[in-house]
Amino acid sequence: MKPAAILVVHDELDIPLGRMKFKTGGGNAGHNGLKSITELLGTPDFHRLRLGIGRSPHGGETTNWVLGRLTGPEQDALDKLLPAAVQAVTIFATQGATAATQFANACKPE
């Protein structure tokens, strides 16, 4: 499979919790999963659906935020985001990257 046909869905600290962005290519921004995928593919030129988890509202260790369990309003935001993310993946599979980009980048789950 060519990298241009691959969509990786991942968490993103630099996007507010509950939002998503679609992009193609780019750096890894310290994300170990993206680093590993880039190494395996030999290129960063694959599609990414970046699901915002934001930074911890309580400060503290990033690892605990990324790997911890969400509760309350944070979990509610994720629960609203996930159906829209599934729709973005479906649009990518059926209509391509341009349509998925337009949908994901404009989407504001309520």
C-alpha atoms as a PDB file:
ATOM      1  CA  MET A   1       0.000   0.000   0.000  1.00  0.00           C
ATOM      2  CA  LYS A   2       1.284   3.450  -0.887  1.00  0.00           C
ATOM      3  CA  PRO A   3       1.648   6.019   1.912  1.00  0.00           C
ATOM      4  CA  ALA A   4      -0.768   8.350   0.072  1.00  0.00           C
ATOM      5  CA  ALA A   5      -3.508   5.718   0.608  1.00  0.00           C
ATOM      6  CA  ILE A   6      -2.953   5.497   4.381  1.00  0.00           C
ATOM      7  CA  LEU A   7      -4.893   7.415   7.018  1.00  0.00           C
ATOM      8  CA  VAL A   8      -3.517   7.426  10.560  1.00  0.00           C
ATOM      9  CA  VAL A   9      -5.883   8.547  13.317  1.00  0.00           C
ATOM     10  CA  HIS A  10      -4.074   9.827  16.391  1.00  0.00           C
ATOM     11  CA  ASP A  11      -4.298  12.014  19.465  1.00  0.00           C
ATOM     12  CA  GLU A  12      -2.956  15.567  19.259  1.00  0.00           C
ATOM     13  CA  LEU A  13      -1.975  17.737  22.211  1.00  0.00           C
ATOM     14  CA  ASP A  14      -1.828  20.906  20.107  1.00  0.00           C
ATOM     15  CA  ILE A  15      -5.508  20.780  19.132  1.00  0.00           C
ATOM     16  CA  PRO A  16      -8.146  21.637  21.735  1.00  0.00           C
ATOM     17  CA  LEU A  17     -10.028  18.740  23.281  1.00  0.00           C
ATOM     18  CA  GLY A  18     -13.035  17.842  21.175  1.00  0.00           C
ATOM     19  CA  ARG A  19     -11.761  19.241  17.856  1.00  0.00           C
ATOM     20  CA  MET A  20     -10.103  17.453  14.944  1.00  0.00           C
ATOM     21  CA  LYS A  21      -7.944  18.383  11.990  1.00  0.00           C
ATOM     22  CA  PHE A  22      -7.037  16.489   8.827  1.00  0.00           C
ATOM     23  CA  LYS A  23      -3.649  16.968   7.219  1.00  0.00           C
ATOM     24  CA  THR A  24      -1.239  15.269   4.893  1.00  0.00           C
ATOM     25  CA  GLY A  25       2.422  14.875   5.707  1.00  0.00           C
ATOM     26  CA  GLY A  26       4.374  16.894   8.212  1.00  0.00           C
ATOM     27  CA  GLY A  27       6.540  16.299  11.206  1.00  0.00           C
ATOM     28  CA  ASN A  28       6.007  14.048  14.172  1.00  0.00           C
ATOM     29  CA  ALA A  29       5.964  16.747  16.895  1.00  0.00           C
ATOM     30  CA  GLY A  30       7.412  14.283  19.402  1.00  0.00           C
ATOM     31  CA  HIS A  31       4.602  11.762  18.834  1.00  0.00           C
ATOM     32  CA  ASN A  32       6.268   8.352  19.130  1.00  0.00           C
ATOM     33  CA  GLY A  33       3.542   6.563  17.177  1.00  0.00           C
ATOM     34  CA  LEU A  34       3.926   8.921  14.213  1.00  0.00           C
ATOM     35  CA  LYS A  35       7.689   8.605  14.436  1.00  0.00           C
ATOM     36  CA  SER A  36       7.415   4.829  14.230  1.00  0.00           C
ATOM     37  CA  ILE A  37       4.988   4.945  11.280  1.00  0.00           C
ATOM     38  CA  THR A  38       7.215   7.427   9.433  1.00  0.00           C
ATOM     39  CA  GLU A  39      10.218   5.147   9.950  1.00  0.00           C
ATOM     40  CA  LEU A  40       8.305   2.071   8.752  1.00  0.00           C
ATOM     41  CA  LEU A  41       6.942   3.824   5.654  1.00  0.00           C
ATOM     42  CA  GLY A  42      10.184   5.664   4.932  1.00  0.00           C
ATOM     43  CA  THR A  43       8.241   8.915   4.470  1.00  0.00           C
ATOM     44  CA  PRO A  44       6.038  11.290   6.475  1.00  0.00           C
ATOM     45  CA  ASP A  45       3.737  11.695   3.467  1.00  0.00           C
ATOM     46  CA  PHE A  46       0.650   9.910   4.756  1.00  0.00           C
ATOM     47  CA  HIS A  47      -2.705  11.338   5.806  1.00  0.00           C
ATOM     48  CA  ARG A  48      -3.448  12.096   9.449  1.00  0.00           C
ATOM     49  CA  LEU A  49      -6.696  12.643  11.272  1.00  0.00           C
ATOM     50  CA  ARG A  50      -5.574  14.470  14.380  1.00  0.00           C
ATOM     51  CA  LEU A  51      -8.011  14.169  17.298  1.00  0.00           C
ATOM     52  CA  GLY A  52      -7.544  16.972  19.781  1.00  0.00           C
ATOM     53  CA  ILE A  53      -6.921  16.067  23.379  1.00  0.00           C
ATOM     54  CA  GLY A  54      -5.471  19.462  24.299  1.00  0.00           C
ATOM     55  CA  ARG A  55      -3.078  19.925  27.143  1.00  0.00           C
ATOM     56  CA  SER A  56      -4.005  19.023  30.693  1.00  0.00           C
ATOM     57  CA  PRO A  57      -6.117  21.766  32.261  1.00  0.00           C
ATOM     58  CA  HIS A  58      -4.414  20.885  35.545  1.00  0.00           C
ATOM     59  CA  GLY A  59      -0.848  21.258  34.263  1.00  0.00           C
ATOM     60  CA  GLY A  60       1.474  18.489  35.230  1.00  0.00           C
ATOM     61  CA  GLU A  61       3.037  15.614  33.381  1.00  0.00           C
ATOM     62  CA  THR A  62       2.032  15.219  29.732  1.00  0.00           C
ATOM     63  CA  THR A  63       2.408  11.449  29.867  1.00  0.00           C
ATOM     64  CA  ASN A  64      -0.200  11.179  32.615  1.00  0.00           C
ATOM     65  CA  TRP A  65      -2.631  13.298  30.572  1.00  0.00           C
ATOM     66  CA  VAL A  66      -2.115  11.331  27.350  1.00  0.00           C
ATOM     67  CA  LEU A  67      -2.292   7.905  28.974  1.00  0.00           C
ATOM     68  CA  GLY A  68      -4.765   8.716  31.741  1.00  0.00           C
ATOM     69  CA  ARG A  69      -8.519   8.248  31.817  1.00  0.00           C
ATOM     70  CA  LEU A  70     -10.789  11.123  30.917  1.00  0.00           C
ATOM     71  CA  THR A  71     -13.669  11.983  33.231  1.00  0.00           C
ATOM     72  CA  GLY A  72     -16.529  14.461  33.334  1.00  0.00           C
ATOM     73  CA  PRO A  73     -16.471  17.219  30.715  1.00  0.00           C
ATOM     74  CA  GLU A  74     -13.323  15.847  29.060  1.00  0.00           C
ATOM     75  CA  GLN A  75     -14.994  12.464  28.481  1.00  0.00           C
ATOM     76  CA  ASP A  76     -18.135  14.198  27.211  1.00  0.00           C
ATOM     77  CA  ALA A  77     -16.074  16.141  24.652  1.00  0.00           C
ATOM     78  CA  LEU A  78     -14.438  12.930  23.435  1.00  0.00           C
ATOM     79  CA  ASP A  79     -17.803  11.156  23.261  1.00  0.00           C
ATOM     80  CA  LYS A  80     -19.070  13.909  20.947  1.00  0.00           C
ATOM     81  CA  LEU A  81     -15.909  13.892  18.822  1.00  0.00           C
ATOM     82  CA  LEU A  82     -15.674  10.179  18.077  1.00  0.00           C
ATOM     83  CA  PRO A  83     -18.788   9.841  15.856  1.00  0.00           C
ATOM     84  CA  ALA A  84     -17.578  12.814  13.793  1.00  0.00           C
ATOM     85  CA  ALA A  85     -14.133  11.234  13.534  1.00  0.00           C
ATOM     86  CA  VAL A  86     -15.683   8.002  12.241  1.00  0.00           C
ATOM     87  CA  GLN A  87     -17.563  10.080   9.677  1.00  0.00           C
ATOM     88  CA  ALA A  88     -14.285  11.761   8.616  1.00  0.00           C
ATOM     89  CA  VAL A  89     -12.662   8.344   8.126  1.00  0.00           C
ATOM     90  CA  THR A  90     -15.652   7.190   6.080  1.00  0.00           C
ATOM     91  CA  ILE A  91     -15.469  10.309   3.920  1.00  0.00           C
ATOM     92  CA  PHE A  92     -11.743   9.692   3.352  1.00  0.00           C
ATOM     93  CA  ALA A  93     -12.443   6.099   2.295  1.00  0.00           C
ATOM     94  CA  THR A  94     -15.329   6.965  -0.029  1.00  0.00           C
ATOM     95  CA  GLN A  95     -14.611  10.479  -1.297  1.00  0.00           C
ATOM     96  CA  GLY A  96     -10.893  11.056  -0.745  1.00  0.00           C
ATOM     97  CA  ALA A  97      -8.571  13.329   1.169  1.00  0.00           C
ATOM     98  CA  THR A  98      -9.913  16.659  -0.072  1.00  0.00           C
ATOM     99  CA  ALA A  99     -13.467  15.943   1.091  1.00  0.00           C
ATOM    100  CA  ALA A 100     -12.203  14.508   4.392  1.00  0.00           C
ATOM    101  CA  THR A 101     -10.076  17.609   4.963  1.00  0.00           C
ATOM    102  CA  GLN A 102     -13.007  19.923   4.343  1.00  0.00           C
ATOM    103  CA  PHE A 103     -15.271  17.959   6.674  1.00  0.00           C
ATOM    104  CA  ALA A 104     -12.803  17.409   9.528  1.00  0.00           C
ATOM    105  CA  ASN A 105     -11.347  20.907   9.577  1.00  0.00           C
ATOM    106  CA  ALA A 106     -14.786  22.550   9.641  1.00  0.00           C
ATOM    107  CA  CYS A 107     -16.358  20.124  12.114  1.00  0.00           C
ATOM    108  CA  LYS A 108     -17.254  21.369  15.581  1.00  0.00           C
ATOM    109  CA  PRO A 109     -19.023  18.511  17.383  1.00  0.00           C
ATOM    110  CA  GLU A 110     -21.665  19.734  19.823  1.00  0.00           C
END
